[in-house]
């Protein structure tokens, strides 16, 4: 999405060339490949662990930190290795997004008309908001100190990063639809009048 926005705003005349079907296939393959690699590493690590504290996980997802708590062996090196691999992949994506948005904001600030700047920002801010929500909750979930860890907090954080961004993503992107905006305003008005 960040690259799509970057090309649409910074190089609109080259949009068809830069984001043709070949580029889309390469980007999808890179995303799927890195996701598959990460999942494969996590799965191999999980299956190589000796579990001696039962097999009940205090989550509705098989979260890696929860599985590591069930292990008999010392998991510090495994945790560090997984965190390094995951962070290096995630950091690469994060840098790509940041560089794209820096270029976008530089280009938008050079737009002479206020309406043009507003339109450009309104296409970028929703994506940036959803990515920020996802990244901040994932970072908190996996890098929080064990001293503040509790089953209920782990569950809330897991729900935040796995369910909220996709739901908010659909809502944020559909808020550009005028019919949806009007329906939401009417719903809010109706709720407020019912309370009075």
C-alpha atoms as a PDB file:
ATOM      1  CA  UNK A   1       0.000   0.000   0.000  1.00  0.00           C
ATOM      2  CA  UNK A   2       2.789   2.432   0.814  1.00  0.00           C
ATOM      3  CA  UNK A   3       4.442   1.868  -2.554  1.00  0.00           C
ATOM      4  CA  UNK A   4       1.093   2.209  -4.315  1.00  0.00           C
ATOM      5  CA  UNK A   5       0.495   5.536  -2.592  1.00  0.00           C
ATOM      6  CA  UNK A   6       4.062   6.629  -3.320  1.00  0.00           C
ATOM      7  CA  UNK A   7       3.738   5.941  -7.049  1.00  0.00           C
ATOM      8  CA  UNK A   8       0.229   7.443  -7.238  1.00  0.00           C
ATOM      9  CA  UNK A   9       1.314  10.701  -5.596  1.00  0.00           C
ATOM     10  CA  UNK A  10       4.995  11.099  -6.473  1.00  0.00           C
ATOM     11  CA  UNK A  11       5.026   9.611  -9.977  1.00  0.00           C
ATOM     12  CA  UNK A  12       1.411   9.579 -11.214  1.00  0.00           C
ATOM     13  CA  UNK A  13       2.308   9.592 -14.903  1.00  0.00           C
ATOM     14  CA  UNK A  14       4.346   6.399 -14.465  1.00  0.00           C
ATOM     15  CA  UNK A  15       1.726   4.595 -12.363  1.00  0.00           C
ATOM     16  CA  UNK A  16       0.783   2.071 -15.056  1.00  0.00           C
ATOM     17  CA  UNK A  17       4.418   1.315 -15.809  1.00  0.00           C
ATOM     18  CA  UNK A  18       5.719   1.083 -12.244  1.00  0.00           C
ATOM     19  CA  UNK A  19       2.737  -0.822 -10.861  1.00  0.00           C
ATOM     20  CA  UNK A  20       2.022  -3.143 -13.734  1.00  0.00           C
ATOM     21  CA  UNK A  21       1.098  -6.775 -13.262  1.00  0.00           C
ATOM     22  CA  UNK A  22       4.764  -7.848 -13.081  1.00  0.00           C
ATOM     23  CA  UNK A  23       5.514  -5.439 -10.197  1.00  0.00           C
ATOM     24  CA  UNK A  24       2.379  -6.530  -8.357  1.00  0.00           C
ATOM     25  CA  UNK A  25       3.350 -10.193  -8.750  1.00  0.00           C
ATOM     26  CA  UNK A  26       6.867  -9.462  -7.435  1.00  0.00           C
ATOM     27  CA  UNK A  27       5.536  -7.552  -4.420  1.00  0.00           C
ATOM     28  CA  UNK A  28       2.962 -10.261  -3.633  1.00  0.00           C
ATOM     29  CA  UNK A  29       5.625 -12.963  -3.992  1.00  0.00           C
ATOM     30  CA  UNK A  30       7.963 -11.066  -1.655  1.00  0.00           C
ATOM     31  CA  UNK A  31       5.218 -10.619   0.945  1.00  0.00           C
ATOM     32  CA  UNK A  32       4.074 -14.244   0.744  1.00  0.00           C
ATOM     33  CA  UNK A  33       7.634 -15.547   0.644  1.00  0.00           C
ATOM     34  CA  UNK A  34       8.759 -13.617   3.706  1.00  0.00           C
ATOM     35  CA  UNK A  35       5.574 -14.592   5.545  1.00  0.00           C
ATOM     36  CA  UNK A  36       6.102 -18.239   4.619  1.00  0.00           C
ATOM     37  CA  UNK A  37       9.753 -18.108   5.704  1.00  0.00           C
ATOM     38  CA  UNK A  38       8.849 -16.586   9.060  1.00  0.00           C
ATOM     39  CA  UNK A  39       6.030 -19.085   9.613  1.00  0.00           C
ATOM     40  CA  UNK A  40       8.324 -21.972   8.650  1.00  0.00           C
ATOM     41  CA  UNK A  41      10.995 -20.837  11.127  1.00  0.00           C
ATOM     42  CA  UNK A  42       8.450 -20.430  13.920  1.00  0.00           C
ATOM     43  CA  UNK A  43       6.862 -23.812  13.173  1.00  0.00           C
ATOM     44  CA  UNK A  44      10.205 -25.631  13.036  1.00  0.00           C
ATOM     45  CA  UNK A  45      11.242 -23.981  16.290  1.00  0.00           C
ATOM     46  CA  UNK A  46       7.956 -24.909  17.974  1.00  0.00           C
ATOM     47  CA  UNK A  47       8.078 -28.562  16.912  1.00  0.00           C
ATOM     48  CA  UNK A  48      11.659 -28.909  18.113  1.00  0.00           C
ATOM     49  CA  UNK A  49      10.761 -27.814  21.652  1.00  0.00           C
ATOM     50  CA  UNK A  50      10.255 -30.428  24.364  1.00  0.00           C
ATOM     51  CA  UNK A  51       6.956 -29.550  26.066  1.00  0.00           C
ATOM     52  CA  UNK A  52       6.575 -30.767  29.637  1.00  0.00           C
ATOM     53  CA  UNK A  53       4.084 -28.351  31.180  1.00  0.00           C
ATOM     54  CA  UNK A  54       1.053 -29.747  29.366  1.00  0.00           C
ATOM     55  CA  UNK A  55      -0.328 -28.654  26.055  1.00  0.00           C
ATOM     56  CA  UNK A  56      -2.998 -26.159  27.113  1.00  0.00           C
ATOM     57  CA  UNK A  57      -2.310 -22.627  25.925  1.00  0.00           C
ATOM     58  CA  UNK A  58      -3.911 -19.695  27.757  1.00  0.00           C
ATOM     59  CA  UNK A  59      -4.860 -18.044  24.488  1.00  0.00           C
ATOM     60  CA  UNK A  60      -7.277 -18.599  21.669  1.00  0.00           C
ATOM     61  CA  UNK A  61      -4.307 -18.423  19.285  1.00  0.00           C
ATOM     62  CA  UNK A  62      -1.184 -20.542  19.523  1.00  0.00           C
ATOM     63  CA  UNK A  63       0.996 -17.555  20.220  1.00  0.00           C
ATOM     64  CA  UNK A  64       4.712 -18.234  20.261  1.00  0.00           C
ATOM     65  CA  UNK A  65       5.366 -16.677  23.697  1.00  0.00           C
ATOM     66  CA  UNK A  66       2.629 -18.882  25.158  1.00  0.00           C
ATOM     67  CA  UNK A  67       4.113 -22.019  23.583  1.00  0.00           C
ATOM     68  CA  UNK A  68       7.557 -21.107  24.860  1.00  0.00           C
ATOM     69  CA  UNK A  69       6.123 -20.959  28.396  1.00  0.00           C
ATOM     70  CA  UNK A  70       5.186 -24.659  28.073  1.00  0.00           C
ATOM     71  CA  UNK A  71       8.727 -25.714  27.217  1.00  0.00           C
ATOM     72  CA  UNK A  72      10.990 -27.614  29.600  1.00  0.00           C
ATOM     73  CA  UNK A  73      14.212 -26.398  28.051  1.00  0.00           C
ATOM     74  CA  UNK A  74      15.773 -22.995  28.226  1.00  0.00           C
ATOM     75  CA  UNK A  75      14.218 -21.010  25.405  1.00  0.00           C
ATOM     76  CA  UNK A  76      16.176 -17.772  25.709  1.00  0.00           C
ATOM     77  CA  UNK A  77      18.408 -18.380  22.676  1.00  0.00           C
ATOM     78  CA  UNK A  78      15.463 -19.595  20.594  1.00  0.00           C
ATOM     79  CA  UNK A  79      13.450 -16.530  21.554  1.00  0.00           C
ATOM     80  CA  UNK A  80      16.321 -14.204  20.691  1.00  0.00           C
ATOM     81  CA  UNK A  81      16.882 -15.960  17.363  1.00  0.00           C
ATOM     82  CA  UNK A  82      13.210 -15.755  16.417  1.00  0.00           C
ATOM     83  CA  UNK A  83      13.007 -12.130  17.480  1.00  0.00           C
ATOM     84  CA  UNK A  84      16.121 -11.239  15.446  1.00  0.00           C
ATOM     85  CA  UNK A  85      14.794 -12.930  12.281  1.00  0.00           C
ATOM     86  CA  UNK A  86      11.303 -11.500  12.669  1.00  0.00           C
ATOM     87  CA  UNK A  87      12.551  -8.016  13.533  1.00  0.00           C
ATOM     88  CA  UNK A  88      14.967  -7.964  10.615  1.00  0.00           C
ATOM     89  CA  UNK A  89      12.161  -8.808   8.181  1.00  0.00           C
ATOM     90  CA  UNK A  90       9.762  -6.428   9.917  1.00  0.00           C
ATOM     91  CA  UNK A  91      12.364  -3.671  10.117  1.00  0.00           C
ATOM     92  CA  UNK A  92      12.986  -3.921   6.386  1.00  0.00           C
ATOM     93  CA  UNK A  93       9.274  -3.506   5.694  1.00  0.00           C
ATOM     94  CA  UNK A  94       9.040  -0.690   8.254  1.00  0.00           C
ATOM     95  CA  UNK A  95      11.952   1.196   6.652  1.00  0.00           C
ATOM     96  CA  UNK A  96      10.362   0.765   3.228  1.00  0.00           C
ATOM     97  CA  UNK A  97       7.068   2.201   4.537  1.00  0.00           C
ATOM     98  CA  UNK A  98       8.801   5.112   6.295  1.00  0.00           C
ATOM     99  CA  UNK A  99      10.884   6.013   3.240  1.00  0.00           C
ATOM    100  CA  UNK A 100       7.781   5.819   1.022  1.00  0.00           C
ATOM    101  CA  UNK A 101       5.794   8.095   3.319  1.00  0.00           C
ATOM    102  CA  UNK A 102       8.632  10.591   3.717  1.00  0.00           C
ATOM    103  CA  UNK A 103       8.732  10.898  -0.064  1.00  0.00           C
ATOM    104  CA  UNK A 104       4.938  11.148  -0.191  1.00  0.00           C
ATOM    105  CA  UNK A 105       4.779  13.891   2.436  1.00  0.00           C
ATOM    106  CA  UNK A 106       7.573  15.825   0.723  1.00  0.00           C
ATOM    107  CA  UNK A 107       5.650  15.654  -2.560  1.00  0.00           C
ATOM    108  CA  UNK A 108       2.324  16.550  -0.910  1.00  0.00           C
ATOM    109  CA  UNK A 109       3.773  19.580   0.839  1.00  0.00           C
ATOM    110  CA  UNK A 110       4.922  20.875  -2.556  1.00  0.00           C
ATOM    111  CA  UNK A 111       1.353  20.766  -3.940  1.00  0.00           C
ATOM    112  CA  UNK A 112       0.273  24.403  -4.298  1.00  0.00           C
ATOM    113  CA  UNK A 113      -3.462  24.016  -3.662  1.00  0.00           C
ATOM    114  CA  UNK A 114      -4.913  23.313  -0.225  1.00  0.00           C
ATOM    115  CA  UNK A 115      -7.542  21.024  -1.736  1.00  0.00           C
ATOM    116  CA  UNK A 116      -4.870  18.973  -3.514  1.00  0.00           C
ATOM    117  CA  UNK A 117      -2.866  18.563  -0.305  1.00  0.00           C
ATOM    118  CA  UNK A 118      -5.991  17.556   1.604  1.00  0.00           C
ATOM    119  CA  UNK A 119      -6.922  14.959  -1.011  1.00  0.00           C
ATOM    120  CA  UNK A 120      -3.409  13.494  -1.022  1.00  0.00           C
ATOM    121  CA  UNK A 121      -3.229  13.349   2.780  1.00  0.00           C
ATOM    122  CA  UNK A 122      -6.690  11.780   3.002  1.00  0.00           C
ATOM    123  CA  UNK A 123      -5.520   8.854   0.873  1.00  0.00           C
ATOM    124  CA  UNK A 124      -2.387   8.253   2.967  1.00  0.00           C
ATOM    125  CA  UNK A 125      -3.463   8.830   6.552  1.00  0.00           C
ATOM    126  CA  UNK A 126      -5.849   5.814   6.794  1.00  0.00           C
ATOM    127  CA  UNK A 127      -3.143   3.381   5.703  1.00  0.00           C
ATOM    128  CA  UNK A 128      -0.641   4.965   8.035  1.00  0.00           C
ATOM    129  CA  UNK A 129      -3.112   4.761  10.947  1.00  0.00           C
ATOM    130  CA  UNK A 130      -3.812   1.054  10.409  1.00  0.00           C
ATOM    131  CA  UNK A 131      -0.120   0.201   9.996  1.00  0.00           C
ATOM    132  CA  UNK A 132       0.755   2.187  13.134  1.00  0.00           C
ATOM    133  CA  UNK A 133      -1.938   0.415  15.167  1.00  0.00           C
ATOM    134  CA  UNK A 134      -0.754  -3.001  13.994  1.00  0.00           C
ATOM    135  CA  UNK A 135       2.965  -2.323  14.477  1.00  0.00           C
ATOM    136  CA  UNK A 136       2.597  -0.749  17.922  1.00  0.00           C
ATOM    137  CA  UNK A 137       0.451  -3.587  19.299  1.00  0.00           C
ATOM    138  CA  UNK A 138       2.716  -6.293  17.825  1.00  0.00           C
ATOM    139  CA  UNK A 139       5.792  -4.620  19.277  1.00  0.00           C
ATOM    140  CA  UNK A 140       4.110  -4.393  22.668  1.00  0.00           C
ATOM    141  CA  UNK A 141       2.911  -8.023  22.492  1.00  0.00           C
ATOM    142  CA  UNK A 142       6.291  -9.517  21.692  1.00  0.00           C
ATOM    143  CA  UNK A 143       8.732  -7.149  23.352  1.00  0.00           C
ATOM    144  CA  UNK A 144       6.988  -6.291  26.611  1.00  0.00           C
ATOM    145  CA  UNK A 145       8.891  -7.204  29.781  1.00  0.00           C
ATOM    146  CA  UNK A 146       7.796 -10.479  31.392  1.00  0.00           C
ATOM    147  CA  UNK A 147       7.177  -8.604  34.651  1.00  0.00           C
ATOM    148  CA  UNK A 148       4.037  -6.979  33.231  1.00  0.00           C
ATOM    149  CA  UNK A 149       2.834 -10.125  31.487  1.00  0.00           C
ATOM    150  CA  UNK A 150      -0.482 -11.603  32.560  1.00  0.00           C
ATOM    151  CA  UNK A 151      -2.874 -13.949  30.753  1.00  0.00           C
ATOM    152  CA  UNK A 152      -5.589 -11.303  30.484  1.00  0.00           C
ATOM    153  CA  UNK A 153      -3.187  -8.626  29.171  1.00  0.00           C
ATOM    154  CA  UNK A 154      -1.733 -11.110  26.668  1.00  0.00           C
ATOM    155  CA  UNK A 155      -5.236 -11.943  25.461  1.00  0.00           C
ATOM    156  CA  UNK A 156      -6.212  -8.273  25.063  1.00  0.00           C
ATOM    157  CA  UNK A 157      -3.020  -7.443  23.172  1.00  0.00           C
ATOM    158  CA  UNK A 158      -3.459 -10.473  20.901  1.00  0.00           C
ATOM    159  CA  UNK A 159      -7.001  -9.378  20.059  1.00  0.00           C
ATOM    160  CA  UNK A 160      -5.754  -5.840  19.442  1.00  0.00           C
ATOM    161  CA  UNK A 161      -3.181  -6.783  16.842  1.00  0.00           C
ATOM    162  CA  UNK A 162      -4.978  -9.694  15.195  1.00  0.00           C
ATOM    163  CA  UNK A 163      -8.611  -8.558  15.021  1.00  0.00           C
ATOM    164  CA  UNK A 164      -8.714  -4.783  15.371  1.00  0.00           C
ATOM    165  CA  UNK A 165      -6.467  -3.709  12.428  1.00  0.00           C
ATOM    166  CA  UNK A 166      -8.392  -5.723   9.798  1.00  0.00           C
ATOM    167  CA  UNK A 167     -11.724  -4.474  11.169  1.00  0.00           C
ATOM    168  CA  UNK A 168     -10.540  -0.881  11.459  1.00  0.00           C
ATOM    169  CA  UNK A 169      -8.896  -1.154   8.047  1.00  0.00           C
ATOM    170  CA  UNK A 170     -12.237  -1.880   6.383  1.00  0.00           C
ATOM    171  CA  UNK A 171     -13.932   0.913   8.330  1.00  0.00           C
ATOM    172  CA  UNK A 172     -11.227   3.500   7.649  1.00  0.00           C
ATOM    173  CA  UNK A 173     -11.027   2.811   3.927  1.00  0.00           C
ATOM    174  CA  UNK A 174     -14.794   2.806   3.546  1.00  0.00           C
ATOM    175  CA  UNK A 175     -15.082   6.166   5.334  1.00  0.00           C
ATOM    176  CA  UNK A 176     -14.139   7.792   2.048  1.00  0.00           C
ATOM    177  CA  UNK A 177     -17.525   6.628   0.727  1.00  0.00           C
ATOM    178  CA  UNK A 178     -20.021   9.481   1.164  1.00  0.00           C
ATOM    179  CA  UNK A 179     -23.028   7.148   1.557  1.00  0.00           C
ATOM    180  CA  UNK A 180     -21.331   5.359   4.437  1.00  0.00           C
ATOM    181  CA  UNK A 181     -20.439   8.673   6.076  1.00  0.00           C
ATOM    182  CA  UNK A 182     -24.076   9.796   5.875  1.00  0.00           C
ATOM    183  CA  UNK A 183     -25.336   6.477   7.260  1.00  0.00           C
ATOM    184  CA  UNK A 184     -22.859   6.687  10.155  1.00  0.00           C
ATOM    185  CA  UNK A 185     -23.914  10.278  10.935  1.00  0.00           C
ATOM    186  CA  UNK A 186     -27.580   9.220  10.921  1.00  0.00           C
ATOM    187  CA  UNK A 187     -26.803   6.286  13.216  1.00  0.00           C
ATOM    188  CA  UNK A 188     -24.933   8.527  15.665  1.00  0.00           C
ATOM    189  CA  UNK A 189     -27.764  11.080  15.582  1.00  0.00           C
ATOM    190  CA  UNK A 190     -30.307   8.337  16.227  1.00  0.00           C
ATOM    191  CA  UNK A 191     -28.338   6.962  19.173  1.00  0.00           C
ATOM    192  CA  UNK A 192     -27.887  10.439  20.674  1.00  0.00           C
ATOM    193  CA  UNK A 193     -31.602  11.274  20.331  1.00  0.00           C
ATOM    194  CA  UNK A 194     -32.624   7.944  21.900  1.00  0.00           C
ATOM    195  CA  UNK A 195     -30.488   8.702  24.959  1.00  0.00           C
ATOM    196  CA  UNK A 196     -32.142  12.099  25.476  1.00  0.00           C
END
